[in-house]
C-alpha atoms as a PDB file:
ATOM      1  CA  HIS A   1     -10.030  15.323  -6.506  1.00  0.00           C
ATOM      2  CA  GLY A   2      -7.718  18.023  -7.704  1.00  0.00           C
ATOM      3  CA  SER A   3      -6.254  18.774  -4.284  1.00  0.00           C
ATOM      4  CA  PRO A   4      -5.549  17.014  -0.975  1.00  0.00           C
ATOM      5  CA  ILE A   5      -8.574  16.292   1.188  1.00  0.00           C
ATOM      6  CA  VAL A   6      -8.838  15.715   4.930  1.00  0.00           C
ATOM      7  CA  THR A   7      -9.856  12.215   5.983  1.00  0.00           C
ATOM      8  CA  PRO A   8     -10.429  10.706   9.426  1.00  0.00           C
ATOM      9  CA  THR A   9      -7.575   8.591  10.754  1.00  0.00           C
ATOM     10  CA  VAL A  10      -8.040   5.157  12.291  1.00  0.00           C
ATOM     11  CA  SER A  11      -5.777   2.767  14.124  1.00  0.00           C
ATOM     12  CA  THR A  12      -4.017   0.524  11.615  1.00  0.00           C
ATOM     13  CA  LEU A  13      -0.986  -1.686  11.081  1.00  0.00           C
ATOM     14  CA  ALA A  14      -0.011   0.800   8.369  1.00  0.00           C
ATOM     15  CA  ASP A  15       0.184   3.720  10.788  1.00  0.00           C
ATOM     16  CA  GLY A  16       2.858   5.422   8.680  1.00  0.00           C
ATOM     17  CA  LEU A  17       0.210   5.867   5.988  1.00  0.00           C
ATOM     18  CA  ALA A  18      -2.575   6.960   8.336  1.00  0.00           C
ATOM     19  CA  VAL A  19      -2.333  10.730   8.002  1.00  0.00           C
ATOM     20  CA  PRO A  20      -5.314  13.084   7.988  1.00  0.00           C
ATOM     21  CA  THR A  21      -4.129  14.710   4.762  1.00  0.00           C
ATOM     22  CA  VAL A  22      -1.222  14.217   2.377  1.00  0.00           C
ATOM     23  CA  GLY A  23       1.310  17.027   2.032  1.00  0.00           C
ATOM     24  CA  SER A  24       0.960  19.306  -0.979  1.00  0.00           C
ATOM     25  CA  ASN A  25       4.325  18.309  -2.499  1.00  0.00           C
ATOM     26  CA  ALA A  26       3.650  14.585  -2.092  1.00  0.00           C
ATOM     27  CA  PHE A  27       0.213  15.092  -3.623  1.00  0.00           C
ATOM     28  CA  LEU A  28       1.636  16.799  -6.707  1.00  0.00           C
ATOM     29  CA  VAL A  29       4.201  14.030  -7.243  1.00  0.00           C
ATOM     30  CA  ALA A  30       1.598  11.298  -6.766  1.00  0.00           C
ATOM     31  CA  LYS A  31      -0.846  13.060  -9.074  1.00  0.00           C
ATOM     32  CA  GLU A  32       1.786  13.174 -11.807  1.00  0.00           C
ATOM     33  CA  TYR A  33       3.067   9.606 -11.549  1.00  0.00           C
ATOM     34  CA  THR A  34       0.170   7.493 -10.250  1.00  0.00           C
ATOM     35  CA  ASP A  35      -1.683   5.376 -12.793  1.00  0.00           C
ATOM     36  CA  ASP A  36      -4.061   3.584 -10.445  1.00  0.00           C
ATOM     37  CA  VAL A  37      -4.969   3.367  -6.778  1.00  0.00           C
ATOM     38  CA  CYS A  38      -6.442   0.466  -4.846  1.00  0.00           C
ATOM     39  CA  VAL A  39      -7.643   0.031  -1.286  1.00  0.00           C
ATOM     40  CA  VAL A  40      -6.377  -2.896   0.766  1.00  0.00           C
ATOM     41  CA  GLN A  41      -7.917  -4.255   3.930  1.00  0.00           C
ATOM     42  CA  GLU A  42      -6.150  -4.554   7.281  1.00  0.00           C
ATOM     43  CA  ARG A  43      -6.120  -8.345   6.934  1.00  0.00           C
ATOM     44  CA  GLU A  44      -4.243  -8.038   3.623  1.00  0.00           C
ATOM     45  CA  VAL A  45      -1.651  -5.757   5.229  1.00  0.00           C
ATOM     46  CA  ALA A  46      -1.183  -8.299   8.029  1.00  0.00           C
ATOM     47  CA  LEU A  47      -0.723 -11.113   5.501  1.00  0.00           C
ATOM     48  CA  SER A  48       1.839  -9.040   3.617  1.00  0.00           C
ATOM     49  CA  ILE A  49       3.835  -8.425   6.798  1.00  0.00           C
ATOM     50  CA  LEU A  50       3.725 -12.136   7.598  1.00  0.00           C
ATOM     51  CA  ARG A  51       4.698 -13.130   4.054  1.00  0.00           C
ATOM     52  CA  LEU A  52       7.730 -10.822   4.102  1.00  0.00           C
ATOM     53  CA  LEU A  53       8.775 -12.167   7.494  1.00  0.00           C
ATOM     54  CA  GLU A  54       8.410 -15.814   6.523  1.00  0.00           C
ATOM     55  CA  HIS A  55       9.788 -15.739   2.976  1.00  0.00           C
ATOM     56  CA  GLU A  56      12.197 -12.806   2.923  1.00  0.00           C
ATOM     57  CA  LYS A  57      13.209 -12.834   6.603  1.00  0.00           C
ATOM     58  CA  VAL A  58      12.593  -9.097   6.935  1.00  0.00           C
ATOM     59  CA  VAL A  59      10.519  -7.237   9.496  1.00  0.00           C
ATOM     60  CA  VAL A  60       8.610  -4.310   8.020  1.00  0.00           C
ATOM     61  CA  GLU A  61       6.151  -1.718   9.245  1.00  0.00           C
ATOM     62  CA  GLY A  62       2.643  -2.133   7.861  1.00  0.00           C
ATOM     63  CA  GLY A  63       2.974   0.862   5.548  1.00  0.00           C
ATOM     64  CA  GLY A  64       5.994  -0.786   3.940  1.00  0.00           C
ATOM     65  CA  ALA A  65       4.097  -4.029   3.378  1.00  0.00           C
ATOM     66  CA  THR A  66       0.969  -2.379   1.993  1.00  0.00           C
ATOM     67  CA  GLY A  67       2.285  -2.238  -1.572  1.00  0.00           C
ATOM     68  CA  LEU A  68       2.701  -6.011  -1.589  1.00  0.00           C
ATOM     69  CA  ALA A  69      -0.901  -6.726  -0.545  1.00  0.00           C
ATOM     70  CA  PRO A  70      -2.612  -6.212  -3.926  1.00  0.00           C
ATOM     71  CA  ILE A  71      -0.220  -8.551  -5.758  1.00  0.00           C
ATOM     72  CA  LEU A  72      -0.373 -11.483  -3.357  1.00  0.00           C
ATOM     73  CA  PRO A  73      -2.766 -14.355  -4.170  1.00  0.00           C
ATOM     74  CA  GLY A  74      -6.292 -13.017  -3.761  1.00  0.00           C
ATOM     75  CA  GLY A  75      -5.143  -9.435  -4.259  1.00  0.00           C
ATOM     76  CA  GLN A  76      -6.658  -7.063  -6.782  1.00  0.00           C
ATOM     77  CA  TYR A  77      -3.621  -7.160  -9.111  1.00  0.00           C
ATOM     78  CA  HIS A  78      -2.402 -10.722  -8.524  1.00  0.00           C
ATOM     79  CA  ASN A  79      -3.448 -12.068 -11.925  1.00  0.00           C
ATOM     80  CA  GLN A  80      -2.165  -9.017 -13.791  1.00  0.00           C
ATOM     81  CA  VAL A  81       1.392  -9.403 -12.466  1.00  0.00           C
ATOM     82  CA  GLN A  82       1.820 -13.134 -12.933  1.00  0.00           C
ATOM     83  CA  GLY A  83       5.071 -13.830 -14.812  1.00  0.00           C
ATOM     84  CA  LYS A  84       6.116 -10.174 -14.746  1.00  0.00           C
ATOM     85  CA  LYS A  85       8.852  -8.326 -12.901  1.00  0.00           C
ATOM     86  CA  VAL A  86       7.209  -5.923 -10.507  1.00  0.00           C
ATOM     87  CA  VAL A  87       8.662  -3.160  -8.363  1.00  0.00           C
ATOM     88  CA  VAL A  88       6.801  -2.520  -5.107  1.00  0.00           C
END
């Protein structure tokens, strides 16, 4: 899409990300700098929160843990990031 679209919101652990539409400024920045997008399931968000709590001793909101989900074992990008430094 070339512009923000309206989507239905649902209850989620990542409630900070659950907005009906992204703001126009945020959309323009994301459009410019985003190479790829992936969808993660609620279970993967929960596992990311748990992983950060157990291993890093930090408590995060689901939206903050969502970026970690695709690179954890079983995640869409796990194999691609092995042995690399990754910023989430």
